[in-house]
Protein backbone atom coordinates (compact mmCIF):
# COMPACT_ATOMS: atom_id res chain seq x y z
CA UNK A 1 0.00 0.00 0.00
CA UNK A 2 1.58 3.26 -1.10
CA UNK A 3 0.71 6.41 0.83
CA UNK A 4 0.35 9.77 -0.89
CA UNK A 5 -0.58 12.28 1.78
CA UNK A 6 -3.57 10.66 3.47
CA UNK A 7 -4.52 8.62 0.43
CA UNK A 8 -3.24 5.07 -0.02
CA UNK A 9 -2.86 3.20 -3.26
CA UNK A 10 -3.27 -0.57 -3.35
CA UNK A 11 -0.56 -2.31 -5.33
CA UNK A 12 -0.72 -5.18 -7.81
CA UNK A 13 1.69 -8.09 -7.36
CA UNK A 14 2.45 -10.94 -9.74
CA UNK A 15 3.97 -13.87 -7.85
CA UNK A 16 5.99 -16.56 -9.62
CA UNK A 17 5.72 -19.49 -7.24
CA UNK A 18 6.76 -23.10 -7.75
CA UNK A 19 3.78 -24.21 -5.64
CA UNK A 20 0.34 -23.00 -4.68
CA UNK A 21 -1.72 -25.82 -3.12
CA UNK A 22 -5.45 -25.44 -3.59
CA UNK A 23 -7.80 -25.11 -0.63
CA UNK A 24 -7.68 -22.90 2.46
CA UNK A 25 -6.46 -25.85 4.56
CA UNK A 26 -3.49 -26.49 2.29
CA UNK A 27 -0.95 -23.73 2.50
CA UNK A 28 2.75 -22.86 2.49
CA UNK A 29 5.01 -19.89 3.20
CA UNK A 30 4.37 -18.26 -0.17
CA UNK A 31 0.62 -18.68 0.18
CA UNK A 32 0.59 -17.25 3.71
CA UNK A 33 2.45 -14.12 2.57
CA UNK A 34 0.09 -13.69 -0.40
CA UNK A 35 -2.88 -14.04 1.94
CA UNK A 36 -1.51 -11.23 4.11
CA UNK A 37 -1.10 -8.92 1.10
CA UNK A 38 -4.71 -9.57 0.08
CA UNK A 39 -5.92 -8.93 3.64
CA UNK A 40 -4.24 -5.53 3.43
CA UNK A 41 -6.10 -4.62 0.26
CA UNK A 42 -3.56 -5.41 -2.45
CA UNK A 43 -4.31 -7.31 -5.64
CA UNK A 44 -2.36 -10.52 -6.14
CA UNK A 45 -1.91 -12.67 -9.23
CA UNK A 46 0.00 -15.95 -9.08
CA UNK A 47 1.58 -18.07 -11.82
CA UNK A 48 2.60 -21.57 -10.82
CA UNK A 49 3.43 -24.82 -12.66
CA UNK A 50 1.14 -27.83 -12.57
CA UNK A 51 3.08 -30.91 -13.59
CA UNK A 52 1.80 -33.35 -16.20
CA UNK A 53 1.34 -36.02 -13.55
CA UNK A 54 -1.40 -33.86 -11.97
CA UNK A 55 -3.53 -34.43 -15.11
CA UNK A 56 -4.60 -30.79 -15.31
CA UNK A 57 -4.56 -28.43 -18.28
CA UNK A 58 -3.49 -24.78 -17.96
CA UNK A 59 -6.31 -22.99 -16.13
CA UNK A 60 -7.25 -20.03 -13.95
CA UNK A 61 -8.40 -20.52 -10.38
CA UNK A 62 -9.48 -18.06 -7.71
CA UNK A 63 -8.99 -18.49 -3.98
CA UNK A 64 -9.36 -15.99 -1.13
CA UNK A 65 -9.02 -13.05 -3.51
CA UNK A 66 -5.96 -14.30 -5.39
CA UNK A 67 -6.13 -15.10 -9.09
CA UNK A 68 -3.95 -18.15 -9.71
CA UNK A 69 -2.80 -19.36 -13.11
CA UNK A 70 -1.80 -23.03 -13.14
CA UNK A 71 0.44 -23.62 -16.17
CA UNK A 72 0.80 -27.19 -17.40
CA UNK A 73 4.44 -28.29 -17.58
CA UNK A 74 6.37 -31.52 -17.73
CA UNK A 75 7.29 -33.49 -14.61
CA UNK A 76 10.14 -32.18 -12.47
CA UNK A 77 9.50 -33.63 -9.01
CA UNK A 78 8.97 -37.23 -7.88
CA UNK A 79 10.72 -40.16 -9.51
CA UNK A 80 10.70 -39.29 -13.20
CA UNK A 81 13.56 -39.82 -15.66
CA UNK A 82 16.39 -37.30 -15.79
CA UNK A 83 15.79 -36.33 -19.42
CA UNK A 84 12.18 -35.31 -18.70
CA UNK A 85 13.28 -33.32 -15.63
CA UNK A 86 15.90 -31.42 -17.66
CA UNK A 87 13.40 -30.74 -20.45
CA UNK A 88 10.88 -29.50 -17.88
CA UNK A 89 13.39 -27.17 -16.23
CA UNK A 90 14.33 -25.70 -19.61
CA UNK A 91 10.76 -25.36 -20.94
CA UNK A 92 8.95 -24.11 -17.82
CA UNK A 93 10.04 -20.43 -18.12
CA UNK A 94 8.82 -20.38 -21.76
CA UNK A 95 5.48 -21.97 -20.83
CA UNK A 96 4.98 -19.60 -17.89
CA UNK A 97 5.75 -16.54 -20.02
CA UNK A 98 3.32 -17.72 -22.70
CA UNK A 99 0.56 -18.50 -20.16
CA UNK A 100 0.97 -15.26 -18.22
CA UNK A 101 0.80 -13.10 -21.36
CA UNK A 102 -2.33 -14.94 -22.47
CA UNK A 103 -4.29 -15.01 -19.21
CA UNK A 104 -2.89 -11.89 -17.48
CA UNK A 105 -2.30 -9.72 -20.56
CA UNK A 106 -4.52 -6.81 -19.50
CA UNK A 107 -3.53 -6.46 -15.83
CA UNK A 108 -1.40 -3.74 -14.29
CA UNK A 109 1.57 -5.00 -12.25
CA UNK A 110 3.61 -2.94 -9.79
CA UNK A 111 5.94 -5.74 -8.64
CA UNK A 112 6.88 -9.20 -9.85
CA UNK A 113 7.84 -11.41 -6.90
CA UNK A 114 9.91 -14.56 -7.46
CA UNK A 115 11.73 -17.17 -5.37
CA UNK A 116 15.00 -19.05 -5.58
CA UNK A 117 15.79 -21.68 -6.64
CA UNK A 118 12.85 -22.89 -8.79
CA UNK A 119 11.19 -19.63 -9.87
CA UNK A 120 14.15 -17.34 -10.46
CA UNK A 121 14.84 -17.69 -14.18
CA UNK A 122 16.49 -14.42 -15.21
CA UNK A 123 15.15 -14.42 -18.77
CA UNK A 124 11.57 -14.93 -17.55
CA UNK A 125 11.88 -12.16 -14.95
CA UNK A 126 13.35 -9.80 -17.56
CA UNK A 127 10.63 -10.56 -20.11
CA UNK A 128 7.82 -9.99 -17.61
CA UNK A 129 9.43 -6.90 -16.07
CA UNK A 130 9.66 -5.31 -19.51
CA UNK A 131 6.18 -6.48 -20.52
CA UNK A 132 4.53 -4.91 -17.46
CA UNK A 133 7.01 -2.02 -17.08
CA UNK A 134 7.26 -2.85 -13.38
CA UNK A 135 9.79 -3.53 -10.64
CA UNK A 136 10.77 -6.91 -9.22
CA UNK A 137 11.61 -8.56 -5.91
CA UNK A 138 13.47 -11.81 -5.28
CA UNK A 139 13.07 -14.00 -2.19
CA UNK A 140 16.49 -15.59 -1.64
CA UNK A 141 15.67 -18.98 -0.13
CA UNK A 142 18.40 -21.12 -1.67
CA UNK A 143 21.73 -20.12 -3.13
CA UNK A 144 22.27 -21.81 -6.45
CA UNK A 145 24.28 -23.22 -8.16
CA UNK A 146 26.66 -23.59 -5.19
CA UNK A 147 24.24 -25.86 -3.33
CA UNK A 148 23.94 -28.10 -6.40
CA UNK A 149 27.74 -28.27 -6.63
CA UNK A 150 28.05 -29.06 -2.92
CA UNK A 151 25.58 -31.94 -3.30
CA UNK A 152 27.41 -33.32 -6.33
CA UNK A 153 24.55 -32.55 -8.73
CA UNK A 154 26.73 -30.23 -10.82
CA UNK A 155 30.18 -31.71 -11.49
CA UNK A 156 31.13 -29.99 -14.72
CA UNK A 157 33.02 -26.71 -14.14
CA UNK A 158 31.81 -25.18 -17.40
CA UNK A 159 28.17 -25.73 -16.41
CA UNK A 160 28.84 -24.44 -12.91
CA UNK A 161 30.57 -21.28 -14.14
CA UNK A 162 27.77 -20.62 -16.62
CA UNK A 163 25.13 -20.94 -13.89
CA UNK A 164 27.24 -18.89 -11.47
CA UNK A 165 27.34 -16.08 -14.02
CA UNK A 166 23.55 -16.28 -14.43
CA UNK A 167 23.18 -16.13 -10.64
CA UNK A 168 25.31 -12.98 -10.46
CA UNK A 169 23.30 -11.31 -13.24
CA UNK A 170 20.02 -12.25 -11.51
CA UNK A 171 21.03 -10.64 -8.21
CA UNK A 172 22.26 -7.53 -10.00
CA UNK A 173 19.14 -7.24 -12.15
CA UNK A 174 16.38 -7.47 -9.54
CA UNK A 175 15.38 -4.31 -7.68
CA UNK A 176 15.19 -5.85 -4.20
CA UNK A 177 16.41 -9.08 -2.62
CA UNK A 178 14.70 -10.50 0.47
CA UNK A 179 17.09 -12.44 2.75
CA UNK A 180 15.94 -14.62 5.64
CA UNK A 181 19.20 -14.69 7.59
CA UNK A 182 22.25 -12.50 8.22
CA UNK A 183 24.56 -14.92 6.41
CA UNK A 184 22.54 -14.73 3.17
CA UNK A 185 22.58 -10.93 3.41
CA UNK A 186 26.35 -10.97 3.99
CA UNK A 187 26.79 -13.29 1.00
CA UNK A 188 25.07 -10.76 -1.27
CA UNK A 189 27.00 -7.79 0.14
CA UNK A 190 30.37 -9.54 0.23
CA UNK A 191 30.11 -10.42 -3.46
CA UNK A 192 29.00 -6.87 -4.36
CA UNK A 193 25.77 -8.15 -5.90
CA UNK A 194 23.64 -5.49 -4.22
CA UNK A 195 23.86 -2.40 -2.03
CA UNK A 196 22.58 -2.75 1.53
CA UNK A 197 19.61 -0.46 0.86
CA UNK A 198 18.42 -2.93 -1.81
CA UNK A 199 18.26 -5.84 0.66
CA UNK A 200 15.16 -6.51 2.76
CA UNK A 201 15.58 -8.66 5.87
CA UNK A 202 12.55 -10.87 6.51
CA UNK A 203 12.71 -14.30 8.10
CA UNK A 204 10.24 -17.03 7.06
CA UNK A 205 6.82 -15.81 8.30
CA UNK A 206 3.76 -18.02 8.69
CA UNK A 207 0.30 -17.68 10.16
CA UNK A 208 -0.43 -19.30 13.49
CA UNK A 209 -3.72 -21.01 12.78
CA UNK A 210 -4.88 -21.22 16.37
CA UNK A 211 -8.40 -22.20 15.32
CA UNK A 212 -6.96 -25.31 13.67
CA UNK A 213 -5.20 -26.56 16.80
CA UNK A 214 -7.51 -29.09 18.37
CA UNK A 215 -7.12 -31.90 20.85
CA UNK A 216 -7.01 -34.63 18.21
CA UNK A 217 -4.93 -37.03 20.31
CA UNK A 218 -2.71 -37.75 17.33
CA UNK A 219 -0.18 -39.48 19.55
CA UNK A 220 -2.65 -42.31 19.88
CA UNK A 221 -3.33 -42.33 16.12
CA UNK A 222 0.39 -42.66 15.41
CA UNK A 223 0.86 -45.19 18.23
CA UNK A 224 2.86 -43.11 20.71
CA UNK A 225 2.25 -43.06 24.44
CA UNK A 226 2.22 -39.91 26.55
CA UNK A 227 5.39 -41.11 28.33
CA UNK A 228 7.42 -41.40 25.13
CA UNK A 229 9.59 -38.50 23.99
CA UNK A 230 8.86 -38.03 20.29
CA UNK A 231 11.17 -35.95 18.08
CA UNK A 232 9.65 -34.92 14.75
CA UNK A 233 11.15 -33.96 11.39
CA UNK A 234 8.86 -32.61 8.68
CA UNK A 235 9.83 -31.67 5.15
CA UNK A 236 11.98 -32.63 2.21
CA UNK A 237 14.03 -35.82 2.43
CA UNK A 238 16.85 -35.16 0.00
CA UNK A 239 20.60 -34.85 -0.33
CA UNK A 240 20.70 -31.42 1.33
CA UNK A 241 19.08 -32.83 4.48
CA UNK A 242 21.10 -36.08 4.60
CA UNK A 243 18.70 -37.74 7.04
CA UNK A 244 21.07 -40.70 7.34
CA UNK A 245 22.72 -38.58 10.04
CA UNK A 246 19.43 -38.68 11.96
CA UNK A 247 19.18 -42.44 11.49
CA UNK A 248 22.72 -42.81 12.87
CA UNK A 249 21.63 -40.84 15.93
CA UNK A 250 18.48 -42.94 16.29
CA UNK A 251 20.56 -46.14 16.27
CA UNK A 252 22.70 -44.76 19.09
CA UNK A 253 19.54 -43.99 21.10
CA UNK A 254 17.74 -47.26 20.39
CA UNK A 255 18.23 -48.65 23.91
CA UNK A 256 16.25 -45.76 25.39
CA UNK A 257 12.78 -47.19 24.84
CA UNK A 258 11.05 -43.87 25.50
CA UNK A 259 12.86 -41.97 22.72
CA UNK A 260 11.21 -42.06 19.28
CA UNK A 261 11.90 -40.34 15.95
CA UNK A 262 9.09 -39.46 13.53
CA UNK A 263 10.02 -38.35 9.99
CA UNK A 264 7.25 -36.95 7.77
CA UNK A 265 7.64 -35.80 4.20
CA UNK A 266 8.79 -36.76 0.75
CA UNK A 267 11.87 -36.53 -1.40
CA UNK A 268 14.55 -38.30 -3.38
CA UNK A 269 16.07 -40.12 -0.38
CA UNK A 270 12.83 -41.27 1.24
CA UNK A 271 12.82 -44.76 -0.29
CA UNK A 272 16.44 -45.47 0.68
CA UNK A 273 15.78 -44.22 4.22
CA UNK A 274 12.79 -46.55 4.56
CA UNK A 275 14.86 -49.47 3.28
CA UNK A 276 17.66 -48.70 5.74
CA UNK A 277 15.24 -48.49 8.68
CA UNK A 278 13.82 -51.88 7.71
CA UNK A 279 17.16 -53.57 6.97
CA UNK A 280 18.96 -52.32 10.07
CA UNK A 281 15.88 -52.71 12.31
CA UNK A 282 15.97 -49.11 13.54
CA UNK A 283 12.75 -49.65 15.47
CA UNK A 284 12.62 -46.22 17.11
CA UNK A 285 12.15 -44.50 13.72
CA UNK A 286 8.87 -44.12 11.86
CA UNK A 287 8.73 -42.61 8.35
CA UNK A 288 5.40 -41.32 7.04
CA UNK A 289 4.07 -39.65 3.90
CA UNK A 290 3.14 -35.97 3.73
CA UNK A 291 0.01 -35.11 5.73
CA UNK A 292 -2.29 -32.06 5.27
CA UNK A 293 -0.98 -28.93 7.00
CA UNK A 294 -3.84 -28.81 9.51
CA UNK A 295 -3.10 -32.34 10.71
CA UNK A 296 0.66 -31.76 10.55
CA UNK A 297 0.49 -28.70 12.78
CA UNK A 298 -1.72 -30.51 15.28
CA UNK A 299 0.71 -33.42 15.24
CA UNK A 300 3.76 -31.15 15.73
CA UNK A 301 2.04 -29.41 18.65
CA UNK A 302 1.71 -32.78 20.42
CA UNK A 303 5.37 -33.77 19.97
CA UNK A 304 8.24 -33.01 22.36
CA UNK A 305 10.70 -31.34 19.98
CA UNK A 306 11.48 -30.61 16.35
CA UNK A 307 14.46 -31.84 14.33
CA UNK A 308 16.60 -30.07 11.73
CA UNK A 309 19.22 -31.86 9.65
CA UNK A 310 21.58 -30.51 6.98
CA UNK A 311 24.35 -32.28 5.07
CA UNK A 312 27.92 -31.54 6.08
CA UNK A 313 28.68 -30.99 2.36
CA UNK A 314 26.68 -27.77 2.27
CA UNK A 315 28.80 -24.60 2.21
CA UNK A 316 26.21 -21.82 1.72
CA UNK A 317 23.86 -20.04 4.17
CA UNK A 318 20.66 -21.91 4.93
CA UNK A 319 17.91 -20.94 7.39
CA UNK A 320 15.36 -23.80 7.30
CA UNK A 321 11.67 -22.91 7.27
CA UNK A 322 11.18 -25.61 9.93
CA UNK A 323 12.39 -23.10 12.51
CA UNK A 324 9.20 -21.10 11.96
CA UNK A 325 6.98 -24.18 12.11
CA UNK A 326 8.48 -25.40 15.37
CA UNK A 327 8.62 -22.06 17.18
CA UNK A 328 5.08 -20.98 16.36
CA UNK A 329 3.84 -24.22 17.96
CA UNK A 330 6.14 -23.89 20.96
CA UNK A 331 8.62 -26.67 20.18
CA UNK A 332 12.35 -26.55 20.99
CA UNK A 333 14.66 -27.98 18.35
CA UNK A 334 17.66 -30.23 17.96
CA UNK A 335 19.72 -29.48 14.86
CA UNK A 336 22.50 -31.35 13.04
CA UNK A 337 24.27 -28.66 10.99
CA UNK A 338 27.04 -28.06 8.49
CA UNK A 339 29.65 -25.38 9.16
CA UNK A 340 27.85 -22.68 7.14
CA UNK A 341 24.49 -23.29 8.83
CA UNK A 342 26.17 -23.38 12.25
CA UNK A 343 27.07 -19.71 11.80
CA UNK A 344 23.43 -18.91 11.04
CA UNK A 345 20.75 -21.15 12.48
CA UNK A 346 23.22 -22.62 14.99
CA UNK A 347 24.02 -19.17 16.37
CA UNK A 348 20.32 -18.31 16.34
CA UNK A 349 19.52 -21.41 18.41
CA UNK A 350 22.25 -20.53 20.93
CA UNK A 351 21.45 -16.83 21.14
CA UNK A 352 17.75 -17.44 21.75
CA UNK A 353 18.17 -20.62 23.84
CA UNK A 354 15.59 -22.53 21.81
CA UNK A 355 17.45 -25.84 21.62
CA UNK A 356 20.84 -27.43 20.95
CA UNK A 357 22.77 -28.09 17.75
CA UNK A 358 25.63 -30.36 16.76
CA UNK A 359 28.09 -30.64 13.88
CA UNK A 360 27.02 -32.89 11.01
CA UNK A 361 28.96 -36.17 10.64
CA UNK A 362 30.24 -35.95 14.22
CA UNK A 363 28.16 -38.82 15.57
CA UNK A 364 29.77 -39.08 19.01
CA UNK A 365 29.34 -35.35 19.64
CA UNK A 366 25.80 -35.44 18.20
CA UNK A 367 24.80 -38.27 20.53
CA UNK A 368 26.22 -36.52 23.59
CA UNK A 369 24.50 -33.26 22.72
CA UNK A 370 21.22 -35.03 22.00
CA UNK A 371 21.35 -36.67 25.44
CA UNK A 372 21.90 -33.21 26.93
CA UNK A 373 18.92 -31.93 24.92
CA UNK A 374 16.85 -34.88 26.14
CA UNK A 375 17.62 -33.96 29.76
CA UNK A 376 16.51 -30.41 29.04
CA UNK A 377 13.23 -31.74 27.62
CA UNK A 378 12.68 -33.94 30.65
CA UNK A 379 13.33 -31.02 33.02
CA UNK A 380 10.94 -28.74 31.08
CA UNK A 381 13.71 -26.23 30.37
CA UNK A 382 11.98 -24.94 27.23
CA UNK A 383 8.73 -23.12 27.93
CA UNK A 384 6.11 -23.18 25.14
CA UNK A 385 5.20 -19.60 25.94
CA UNK A 386 8.82 -18.47 25.61
CA UNK A 387 9.32 -20.31 22.32
CA UNK A 388 6.13 -18.79 20.89
CA UNK A 389 7.34 -15.36 21.97
CA UNK A 390 10.47 -15.85 19.82
CA UNK A 391 8.20 -16.61 16.87
CA UNK A 392 6.21 -13.43 17.53
CA UNK A 393 9.44 -11.41 17.77
CA UNK A 394 11.11 -12.68 14.60
CA UNK A 395 8.60 -14.52 12.40
CA UNK A 396 5.25 -12.80 12.90
CA UNK A 397 3.62 -12.33 9.50
CA UNK A 398 2.16 -8.92 10.36
CA UNK A 399 5.64 -7.60 11.16
CA UNK A 400 6.98 -9.18 7.98
CA UNK A 401 4.31 -7.40 5.95
CA UNK A 402 5.08 -4.06 7.56
CA UNK A 403 8.80 -4.45 6.81
CA UNK A 404 8.08 -5.50 3.23
CA UNK A 405 5.79 -2.55 2.47
CA UNK A 406 8.05 -0.03 4.17
CA UNK A 407 11.04 -1.17 2.10
CA UNK A 408 9.29 -1.07 -1.30
CA UNK A 409 7.44 2.24 -0.86
């Protein structure tokens, strides 16, 4: 909302989002932020891919005031062949540009908002910025291609250098970059990609859906007793997370019959993790499919603590969105972190006394620190009220909106 004297002007935003789940009960960080903008009187348009496996054609959809364009693309996620994934990655920007100019050709846009890594194609952002004669904002969630190189996805130096050059041009082209941690901000400044006044600092805000938190007794549904200490991980199960480190920890804790690990989500490594749990008889670990957000948040609220896990191979700043999910529901967290994340989320955990972290691939240290964390849980060291107050201080979506609007006025 722009203010001219006492008159305000609502703005029009076009979001390029790699996901926009349908239904008011299915949401995500992007959707929550869009919802807040609409609540404040702004107009929001969204363009998002719908993969071929979803069996949907390109179509418009309206939800809670947002106009969403679902553009049919090839398959990129799940277990599809590499050639199709590459073709989808290359063709998606073209298909989005074509769909947007067909379905949103007559709208006025003040800002295009995009996200790394999946919706940050420089050519697409340039084409749309010129088409609408507008400004643009980039949410920096993942730093690519360095993460892909760290994980061994990119091995060819020519490809890496090409993508690194595209990354540099992207950061220099966009008008504003939103960083969710100090280390990401420092990365941009240190490499002279942007001036400090062009960086907006906003952590990962979400709504607290208090009305959705009910006494569902999900512990009983998932076969946990009230005496058991259940540690939950929710999210992607891929190379960046390296959840084998969590399974190693679980094996070391297997003789404590009251300690359980619950992993919920999807991803490239999920099948191999399930096979390992079965083969090695890691009986204190349960792996489940993705559940609807309403049920997930109720389930998290009934657990004892949240888990974060990042591969020791990672070398770039990373501030997991799980921090928001755990804090808003009053859960402390135990984190296994790489060196780069230790400087960010590790320091944040220490500074705010919201849990304990350990170095990735240091199993002996991780086990000792987890036992210390377990004692803290048993002695009720972490108050739910205190943890929620940290969420309200740093992740409240109303504060995030105010910062966002102030910085783009």
